[in-house]
Amino acid sequence: MPHLFAYTDGACSGNPGPGGWGVLLRAMDGDTILKERELNGGEAETTNNKMELMAAISALETLERASTITVVTDSAYVKNGVTGWIHGWKRNGWRTSSKKPVKNVELWQRLDQAQARHDVTWEWVKGHAGHPENEKADELARAGMEPFKPSKAK
């Protein structure tokens, strides 16, 4: 049975500013790549954290049927949020432990809903450290951001 991996990344030029997200989806059988798919997108005015969340959301929402998947992110914000903090936020009516509203709540709720359909394992990798799939996700995120960056005067 093949295993699915989603390597996700977000990028922002300024924070806030134009941003992009990227996903490298890969079906593996042991060390053999069976299938790959690349996804990306962006927004004109966003934050790095929003783009990191959008990458993970997009990876999970694109899967047409319930799947076992490992999502690999270089965002401690996403990994810690989805594997830890989110449980308390939901108990507290989407408020933090200090009773403040959760930032990016609509994206966290969307991620929570997207992952509920799947059997998801979350892994963190150090960004910009030569991890080939993470570097590819970063490249896709930067490409997703490109249309939203102000054009340079010639």
N, C-alpha and C. Protein backbone atom coordinates (compact mmCIF):
# COMPACT_ATOMS: atom_id res chain seq x y z
N MET A 1 0.86 -1.19 0.00
CA MET A 1 0.00 0.00 0.00
C MET A 1 0.90 1.24 0.00
N PRO A 2 0.72 2.12 -0.96
CA PRO A 2 1.56 3.33 -1.00
C PRO A 2 1.27 4.25 0.18
N HIS A 3 2.28 4.99 0.58
CA HIS A 3 2.10 5.99 1.64
C HIS A 3 2.21 7.38 1.01
N LEU A 4 1.35 8.26 1.45
CA LEU A 4 1.35 9.63 0.95
C LEU A 4 2.14 10.54 1.87
N PHE A 5 2.87 11.45 1.24
CA PHE A 5 3.59 12.51 1.95
C PHE A 5 3.19 13.84 1.33
N ALA A 6 3.04 14.85 2.16
CA ALA A 6 2.83 16.22 1.68
C ALA A 6 3.91 17.08 2.32
N TYR A 7 4.76 17.65 1.49
CA TYR A 7 5.80 18.57 1.95
C TYR A 7 5.25 19.96 1.71
N THR A 8 5.09 20.75 2.77
CA THR A 8 4.40 22.03 2.67
C THR A 8 5.31 23.18 3.09
N ASP A 9 5.06 24.35 2.49
CA ASP A 9 5.81 25.54 2.89
C ASP A 9 5.03 26.79 2.52
N GLY A 10 5.29 27.84 3.26
CA GLY A 10 4.73 29.16 2.97
C GLY A 10 5.86 30.16 2.84
N ALA A 11 5.59 31.23 2.12
CA ALA A 11 6.59 32.28 1.93
C ALA A 11 5.88 33.62 1.92
N CYS A 12 6.59 34.64 2.36
CA CYS A 12 6.02 35.98 2.37
C CYS A 12 7.13 36.99 2.09
N SER A 13 6.80 38.02 1.32
CA SER A 13 7.75 39.10 1.05
C SER A 13 7.26 40.30 1.83
N GLY A 14 7.82 40.48 3.02
CA GLY A 14 7.24 41.39 3.99
C GLY A 14 6.26 40.56 4.80
N ASN A 15 5.95 41.00 5.99
CA ASN A 15 5.05 40.21 6.84
C ASN A 15 4.20 41.17 7.67
N PRO A 16 3.09 41.69 7.15
CA PRO A 16 2.37 41.19 5.97
C PRO A 16 2.93 41.73 4.66
N GLY A 17 2.50 41.07 3.59
CA GLY A 17 2.90 41.43 2.24
C GLY A 17 2.43 40.35 1.30
N PRO A 18 2.91 40.38 0.06
CA PRO A 18 2.55 39.32 -0.87
C PRO A 18 3.10 37.99 -0.37
N GLY A 19 2.31 36.93 -0.52
CA GLY A 19 2.75 35.63 -0.02
C GLY A 19 2.33 34.51 -0.92
N GLY A 20 2.94 33.35 -0.69
CA GLY A 20 2.61 32.16 -1.46
C GLY A 20 2.75 30.92 -0.62
N TRP A 21 2.13 29.86 -1.08
CA TRP A 21 2.23 28.56 -0.43
C TRP A 21 2.53 27.51 -1.49
N GLY A 22 3.20 26.44 -1.06
CA GLY A 22 3.55 25.37 -1.97
C GLY A 22 3.44 24.01 -1.31
N VAL A 23 3.09 23.01 -2.13
CA VAL A 23 2.94 21.64 -1.65
C VAL A 23 3.54 20.69 -2.68
N LEU A 24 4.37 19.79 -2.22
CA LEU A 24 4.83 18.66 -3.02
C LEU A 24 4.14 17.43 -2.44
N LEU A 25 3.19 16.87 -3.19
CA LEU A 25 2.50 15.64 -2.78
C LEU A 25 3.21 14.47 -3.43
N ARG A 26 3.45 13.44 -2.65
CA ARG A 26 4.20 12.31 -3.18
C ARG A 26 3.62 11.01 -2.64
N ALA A 27 3.33 10.08 -3.54
CA ALA A 27 2.94 8.72 -3.15
C ALA A 27 4.18 7.85 -3.25
N MET A 28 4.47 7.14 -2.19
CA MET A 28 5.68 6.33 -2.11
C MET A 28 5.34 4.87 -1.82
N ASP A 29 6.15 3.98 -2.39
CA ASP A 29 6.13 2.57 -2.02
C ASP A 29 7.56 2.27 -1.60
N GLY A 30 7.79 2.28 -0.30
CA GLY A 30 9.15 2.17 0.21
C GLY A 30 9.95 3.38 -0.25
N ASP A 31 11.04 3.16 -0.98
CA ASP A 31 11.86 4.27 -1.48
C ASP A 31 11.49 4.67 -2.90
N THR A 32 10.47 4.02 -3.46
CA THR A 32 10.09 4.28 -4.85
C THR A 32 8.97 5.31 -4.92
N ILE A 33 9.21 6.37 -5.71
CA ILE A 33 8.19 7.39 -5.94
C ILE A 33 7.21 6.85 -6.99
N LEU A 34 5.94 6.73 -6.61
CA LEU A 34 4.92 6.24 -7.53
C LEU A 34 4.28 7.39 -8.31
N LYS A 35 4.07 8.51 -7.62
CA LYS A 35 3.37 9.62 -8.25
C LYS A 35 3.71 10.90 -7.49
N GLU A 36 3.79 12.00 -8.22
CA GLU A 36 4.03 13.31 -7.60
C GLU A 36 3.05 14.32 -8.16
N ARG A 37 2.69 15.27 -7.33
CA ARG A 37 1.83 16.37 -7.76
C ARG A 37 2.29 17.63 -7.03
N GLU A 38 2.33 18.74 -7.75
CA GLU A 38 2.74 20.02 -7.16
C GLU A 38 1.54 20.95 -7.13
N LEU A 39 1.40 21.65 -6.01
CA LEU A 39 0.33 22.63 -5.83
C LEU A 39 0.94 23.92 -5.33
N ASN A 40 0.35 25.05 -5.72
CA ASN A 40 0.77 26.32 -5.11
C ASN A 40 -0.28 27.39 -5.37
N GLY A 41 -0.14 28.47 -4.65
CA GLY A 41 -1.04 29.61 -4.79
C GLY A 41 -0.49 30.75 -3.98
N GLY A 42 -1.21 31.85 -3.96
CA GLY A 42 -0.74 32.99 -3.19
C GLY A 42 -1.80 34.05 -3.02
N GLU A 43 -1.42 35.10 -2.33
CA GLU A 43 -2.30 36.23 -2.04
C GLU A 43 -1.48 37.51 -2.07
N ALA A 44 -2.17 38.60 -2.36
CA ALA A 44 -1.50 39.90 -2.46
C ALA A 44 -1.09 40.45 -1.09
N GLU A 45 -1.90 40.22 -0.08
CA GLU A 45 -1.64 40.78 1.25
C GLU A 45 -1.92 39.71 2.29
N THR A 46 -0.86 39.15 2.85
CA THR A 46 -1.03 38.03 3.78
C THR A 46 0.14 37.99 4.74
N THR A 47 0.22 36.92 5.53
CA THR A 47 1.35 36.73 6.45
C THR A 47 1.97 35.36 6.19
N ASN A 48 3.19 35.18 6.67
CA ASN A 48 3.88 33.91 6.54
C ASN A 48 3.08 32.80 7.21
N ASN A 49 2.56 33.05 8.42
CA ASN A 49 1.81 32.01 9.12
C ASN A 49 0.57 31.59 8.34
N LYS A 50 -0.12 32.55 7.73
CA LYS A 50 -1.30 32.21 6.93
C LYS A 50 -0.92 31.34 5.74
N MET A 51 0.20 31.63 5.12
CA MET A 51 0.62 30.85 3.96
C MET A 51 1.07 29.44 4.39
N GLU A 52 1.71 29.32 5.54
CA GLU A 52 2.07 27.99 6.06
C GLU A 52 0.80 27.17 6.31
N LEU A 53 -0.22 27.79 6.89
CA LEU A 53 -1.49 27.11 7.12
C LEU A 53 -2.16 26.73 5.81
N MET A 54 -2.16 27.65 4.84
CA MET A 54 -2.80 27.37 3.55
C MET A 54 -2.14 26.20 2.82
N ALA A 55 -0.83 26.07 2.97
CA ALA A 55 -0.13 24.94 2.34
C ALA A 55 -0.65 23.62 2.92
N ALA A 56 -0.73 23.53 4.24
CA ALA A 56 -1.21 22.30 4.89
C ALA A 56 -2.67 22.04 4.55
N ILE A 57 -3.49 23.08 4.58
CA ILE A 57 -4.92 22.94 4.24
C ILE A 57 -5.06 22.43 2.80
N SER A 58 -4.36 23.05 1.89
CA SER A 58 -4.46 22.69 0.47
C SER A 58 -4.03 21.25 0.24
N ALA A 59 -2.97 20.82 0.92
CA ALA A 59 -2.51 19.44 0.78
C ALA A 59 -3.61 18.47 1.17
N LEU A 60 -4.27 18.73 2.29
CA LEU A 60 -5.29 17.81 2.79
C LEU A 60 -6.60 17.92 2.01
N GLU A 61 -6.98 19.14 1.62
CA GLU A 61 -8.24 19.32 0.90
C GLU A 61 -8.20 18.78 -0.52
N THR A 62 -7.02 18.68 -1.10
CA THR A 62 -6.92 18.20 -2.49
C THR A 62 -7.14 16.69 -2.60
N LEU A 63 -6.99 15.97 -1.49
CA LEU A 63 -7.16 14.51 -1.50
C LEU A 63 -8.64 14.18 -1.60
N GLU A 64 -8.99 13.40 -2.61
CA GLU A 64 -10.39 13.12 -2.89
C GLU A 64 -10.99 12.08 -1.94
N ARG A 65 -10.16 11.20 -1.39
CA ARG A 65 -10.70 10.22 -0.46
C ARG A 65 -9.86 10.19 0.81
N ALA A 66 -10.45 9.65 1.86
CA ALA A 66 -9.75 9.54 3.14
C ALA A 66 -8.43 8.81 2.93
N SER A 67 -7.37 9.37 3.46
CA SER A 67 -6.03 8.85 3.21
C SER A 67 -5.21 8.82 4.48
N THR A 68 -4.18 7.98 4.46
CA THR A 68 -3.14 8.02 5.48
C THR A 68 -2.03 8.85 4.88
N ILE A 69 -1.66 9.93 5.57
CA ILE A 69 -0.70 10.88 5.00
C ILE A 69 0.21 11.42 6.09
N THR A 70 1.45 11.66 5.71
CA THR A 70 2.40 12.36 6.58
C THR A 70 2.59 13.75 6.00
N VAL A 71 2.27 14.76 6.80
CA VAL A 71 2.47 16.15 6.38
C VAL A 71 3.78 16.62 7.01
N VAL A 72 4.70 17.05 6.16
CA VAL A 72 6.02 17.49 6.60
C VAL A 72 6.09 19.00 6.40
N THR A 73 6.28 19.72 7.50
CA THR A 73 6.30 21.19 7.48
C THR A 73 7.55 21.70 8.17
N ASP A 74 8.01 22.89 7.75
CA ASP A 74 9.11 23.53 8.47
C ASP A 74 8.56 24.60 9.41
N SER A 75 7.24 24.61 9.59
CA SER A 75 6.59 25.59 10.45
C SER A 75 6.25 24.98 11.81
N ALA A 76 6.99 25.40 12.83
CA ALA A 76 6.68 24.96 14.19
C ALA A 76 5.28 25.46 14.58
N TYR A 77 4.90 26.63 14.08
CA TYR A 77 3.57 27.21 14.33
C TYR A 77 2.48 26.23 13.89
N VAL A 78 2.58 25.71 12.67
CA VAL A 78 1.58 24.77 12.16
C VAL A 78 1.64 23.46 12.93
N LYS A 79 2.84 22.88 13.06
CA LYS A 79 2.95 21.57 13.72
C LYS A 79 2.50 21.63 15.18
N ASN A 80 2.98 22.62 15.93
CA ASN A 80 2.60 22.72 17.34
C ASN A 80 1.12 23.06 17.48
N GLY A 81 0.64 23.91 16.58
CA GLY A 81 -0.77 24.29 16.64
C GLY A 81 -1.69 23.12 16.41
N VAL A 82 -1.43 22.34 15.36
CA VAL A 82 -2.35 21.27 14.97
C VAL A 82 -2.22 20.02 15.84
N THR A 83 -1.04 19.82 16.44
CA THR A 83 -0.86 18.62 17.27
C THR A 83 -1.05 18.91 18.76
N GLY A 84 -1.08 20.19 19.14
CA GLY A 84 -1.17 20.51 20.56
C GLY A 84 -2.19 21.59 20.89
N TRP A 85 -1.87 22.80 20.52
CA TRP A 85 -2.66 23.96 20.95
C TRP A 85 -4.12 23.87 20.55
N ILE A 86 -4.41 23.29 19.39
CA ILE A 86 -5.76 23.30 18.83
C ILE A 86 -6.78 22.64 19.77
N HIS A 87 -6.34 21.64 20.53
CA HIS A 87 -7.26 20.94 21.42
C HIS A 87 -7.78 21.87 22.50
N GLY A 88 -6.88 22.67 23.08
CA GLY A 88 -7.29 23.65 24.09
C GLY A 88 -8.12 24.77 23.48
N TRP A 89 -7.73 25.22 22.29
CA TRP A 89 -8.49 26.28 21.63
C TRP A 89 -9.94 25.85 21.42
N LYS A 90 -10.13 24.62 20.96
CA LYS A 90 -11.48 24.12 20.71
C LYS A 90 -12.27 24.04 22.02
N ARG A 91 -11.63 23.53 23.07
CA ARG A 91 -12.28 23.45 24.39
C ARG A 91 -12.67 24.84 24.89
N ASN A 92 -11.82 25.84 24.59
CA ASN A 92 -12.04 27.22 25.07
C ASN A 92 -12.85 28.06 24.10
N GLY A 93 -13.55 27.44 23.15
CA GLY A 93 -14.34 28.20 22.19
C GLY A 93 -13.46 29.04 21.25
N TRP A 94 -12.34 28.44 20.80
CA TRP A 94 -11.38 29.08 19.89
C TRP A 94 -10.78 30.34 20.52
N ARG A 95 -10.45 30.19 21.81
CA ARG A 95 -9.71 31.23 22.52
C ARG A 95 -8.44 30.61 23.08
N THR A 96 -7.41 31.44 23.21
CA THR A 96 -6.13 30.98 23.76
C THR A 96 -6.27 30.79 25.26
N SER A 97 -5.22 30.26 25.89
CA SER A 97 -5.24 30.08 27.34
C SER A 97 -5.37 31.41 28.07
N SER A 98 -4.97 32.51 27.40
CA SER A 98 -5.13 33.84 28.02
C SER A 98 -6.45 34.49 27.59
N LYS A 99 -7.36 33.68 27.07
CA LYS A 99 -8.74 34.11 26.72
C LYS A 99 -8.82 35.05 25.52
N LYS A 100 -7.71 35.18 24.78
CA LYS A 100 -7.72 36.01 23.57
C LYS A 100 -8.20 35.16 22.39
N PRO A 101 -8.84 35.79 21.39
CA PRO A 101 -9.24 35.01 20.22
C PRO A 101 -8.00 34.45 19.51
N VAL A 102 -8.13 33.23 19.01
CA VAL A 102 -7.04 32.59 18.27
C VAL A 102 -6.80 33.35 16.97
N LYS A 103 -5.54 33.69 16.70
CA LYS A 103 -5.20 34.35 15.42
C LYS A 103 -5.38 33.35 14.29
N ASN A 104 -5.85 33.82 13.16
CA ASN A 104 -6.07 32.98 11.97
C ASN A 104 -7.08 31.86 12.23
N VAL A 105 -8.07 32.15 13.09
CA VAL A 105 -9.02 31.13 13.53
C VAL A 105 -9.72 30.45 12.36
N GLU A 106 -10.07 31.20 11.31
CA GLU A 106 -10.79 30.59 10.19
C GLU A 106 -9.92 29.56 9.47
N LEU A 107 -8.62 29.81 9.42
CA LEU A 107 -7.70 28.84 8.80
C LEU A 107 -7.47 27.63 9.71
N TRP A 108 -7.36 27.86 11.01
CA TRP A 108 -7.21 26.74 11.94
C TRP A 108 -8.44 25.85 11.90
N GLN A 109 -9.63 26.45 11.82
CA GLN A 109 -10.85 25.65 11.76
C GLN A 109 -10.90 24.86 10.46
N ARG A 110 -10.47 25.47 9.38
CA ARG A 110 -10.44 24.80 8.08
C ARG A 110 -9.44 23.64 8.11
N LEU A 111 -8.27 23.85 8.71
CA LEU A 111 -7.27 22.80 8.83
C LEU A 111 -7.80 21.66 9.70
N ASP A 112 -8.46 21.99 10.79
CA ASP A 112 -9.03 20.99 11.69
C ASP A 112 -10.04 20.13 10.93
N GLN A 113 -10.87 20.77 10.14
CA GLN A 113 -11.89 20.05 9.36
C GLN A 113 -11.22 19.19 8.27
N ALA A 114 -10.21 19.75 7.61
CA ALA A 114 -9.52 19.02 6.54
C ALA A 114 -8.81 17.78 7.07
N GLN A 115 -8.18 17.90 8.24
CA GLN A 115 -7.43 16.75 8.75
C GLN A 115 -8.36 15.70 9.35
N ALA A 116 -9.57 16.06 9.72
CA ALA A 116 -10.50 15.11 10.33
C ALA A 116 -10.86 13.96 9.37
N ARG A 117 -10.77 14.21 8.07
CA ARG A 117 -11.10 13.19 7.06
C ARG A 117 -9.99 12.16 6.89
N HIS A 118 -8.81 12.45 7.40
CA HIS A 118 -7.63 11.65 7.10
C HIS A 118 -6.96 11.14 8.38
N ASP A 119 -6.06 10.19 8.19
CA ASP A 119 -5.18 9.72 9.26
C ASP A 119 -3.85 10.44 9.02
N VAL A 120 -3.62 11.52 9.78
CA VAL A 120 -2.49 12.42 9.51
C VAL A 120 -1.42 12.27 10.58
N THR A 121 -0.19 12.14 10.12
CA THR A 121 0.98 12.24 10.98
C THR A 121 1.67 13.55 10.60
N TRP A 122 2.04 14.33 11.60
CA TRP A 122 2.69 15.63 11.36
C TRP A 122 4.16 15.52 11.72
N GLU A 123 5.01 16.00 10.82
CA GLU A 123 6.46 16.01 11.06
C GLU A 123 6.99 17.41 10.81
N TRP A 124 7.96 17.81 11.64
CA TRP A 124 8.63 19.10 11.46
C TRP A 124 10.03 18.83 10.94
N VAL A 125 10.46 19.64 9.96
CA VAL A 125 11.85 19.62 9.50
C VAL A 125 12.38 21.05 9.55
N LYS A 126 13.67 21.17 9.76
CA LYS A 126 14.29 22.49 9.75
C LYS A 126 14.25 23.05 8.33
N GLY A 127 13.74 24.28 8.20
CA GLY A 127 13.65 24.92 6.89
C GLY A 127 15.00 25.41 6.41
N HIS A 128 15.16 25.50 5.11
CA HIS A 128 16.37 26.04 4.47
C HIS A 128 17.63 25.33 4.97
N ALA A 129 17.49 24.00 5.14
CA ALA A 129 18.62 23.22 5.64
C ALA A 129 18.99 22.11 4.67
N GLY A 130 18.58 22.25 3.41
CA GLY A 130 18.99 21.29 2.40
C GLY A 130 18.10 20.06 2.29
N HIS A 131 16.96 20.03 2.98
CA HIS A 131 16.02 18.92 2.85
C HIS A 131 15.37 19.04 1.47
N PRO A 132 15.63 18.12 0.54
CA PRO A 132 15.23 18.32 -0.87
C PRO A 132 13.74 18.59 -1.08
N GLU A 133 12.89 17.85 -0.39
CA GLU A 133 11.44 18.05 -0.58
C GLU A 133 10.97 19.36 0.04
N ASN A 134 11.56 19.74 1.16
CA ASN A 134 11.22 21.03 1.76
C ASN A 134 11.69 22.17 0.87
N GLU A 135 12.85 22.01 0.26
CA GLU A 135 13.36 23.04 -0.66
C GLU A 135 12.42 23.17 -1.87
N LYS A 136 11.90 22.03 -2.35
CA LYS A 136 10.96 22.06 -3.48
C LYS A 136 9.67 22.76 -3.07
N ALA A 137 9.16 22.48 -1.88
CA ALA A 137 7.95 23.14 -1.39
C ALA A 137 8.18 24.65 -1.28
N ASP A 138 9.37 25.03 -0.83
CA ASP A 138 9.73 26.45 -0.74
C ASP A 138 9.75 27.10 -2.13
N GLU A 139 10.32 26.40 -3.09
CA GLU A 139 10.36 26.89 -4.46
C GLU A 139 8.92 27.08 -5.01
N LEU A 140 8.05 26.13 -4.71
CA LEU A 140 6.65 26.22 -5.15
C LEU A 140 5.94 27.40 -4.46
N ALA A 141 6.23 27.62 -3.18
CA ALA A 141 5.63 28.73 -2.44
C ALA A 141 6.08 30.07 -3.04
N ARG A 142 7.36 30.17 -3.35
CA ARG A 142 7.87 31.41 -3.95
C ARG A 142 7.25 31.64 -5.32
N ALA A 143 7.04 30.56 -6.09
CA ALA A 143 6.38 30.69 -7.40
C ALA A 143 4.92 31.12 -7.21
N GLY A 144 4.28 30.63 -6.15
CA GLY A 144 2.90 31.02 -5.87
C GLY A 144 2.78 32.49 -5.48
N MET A 145 3.81 33.01 -4.87
CA MET A 145 3.83 34.41 -4.44
C MET A 145 4.12 35.35 -5.61
N GLU A 146 4.87 34.89 -6.59
CA GLU A 146 5.40 35.74 -7.66
C GLU A 146 4.35 36.65 -8.33
N PRO A 147 3.16 36.15 -8.71
CA PRO A 147 2.19 37.01 -9.39
C PRO A 147 1.69 38.18 -8.52
N PHE A 148 1.89 38.08 -7.20
CA PHE A 148 1.36 39.08 -6.29
C PHE A 148 2.40 40.10 -5.86
N LYS A 149 3.66 39.89 -6.26
CA LYS A 149 4.72 40.82 -5.90
C LYS A 149 4.63 42.04 -6.82
N PRO A 150 4.88 43.22 -6.26
CA PRO A 150 4.85 44.42 -7.12
C PRO A 150 5.87 44.28 -8.25
N SER A 151 5.48 44.71 -9.45
CA SER A 151 6.41 44.59 -10.57
C SER A 151 7.49 45.64 -10.44
N LYS A 152 8.66 45.23 -10.82
CA LYS A 152 9.81 46.15 -10.75
C LYS A 152 9.74 47.13 -11.93
N ALA A 153 10.00 48.38 -11.65
CA ALA A 153 10.03 49.39 -12.72
C ALA A 153 11.24 49.12 -13.62
N LYS A 154 11.04 49.19 -14.90
CA LYS A 154 12.14 48.87 -15.83
C LYS A 154 12.90 50.12 -16.21
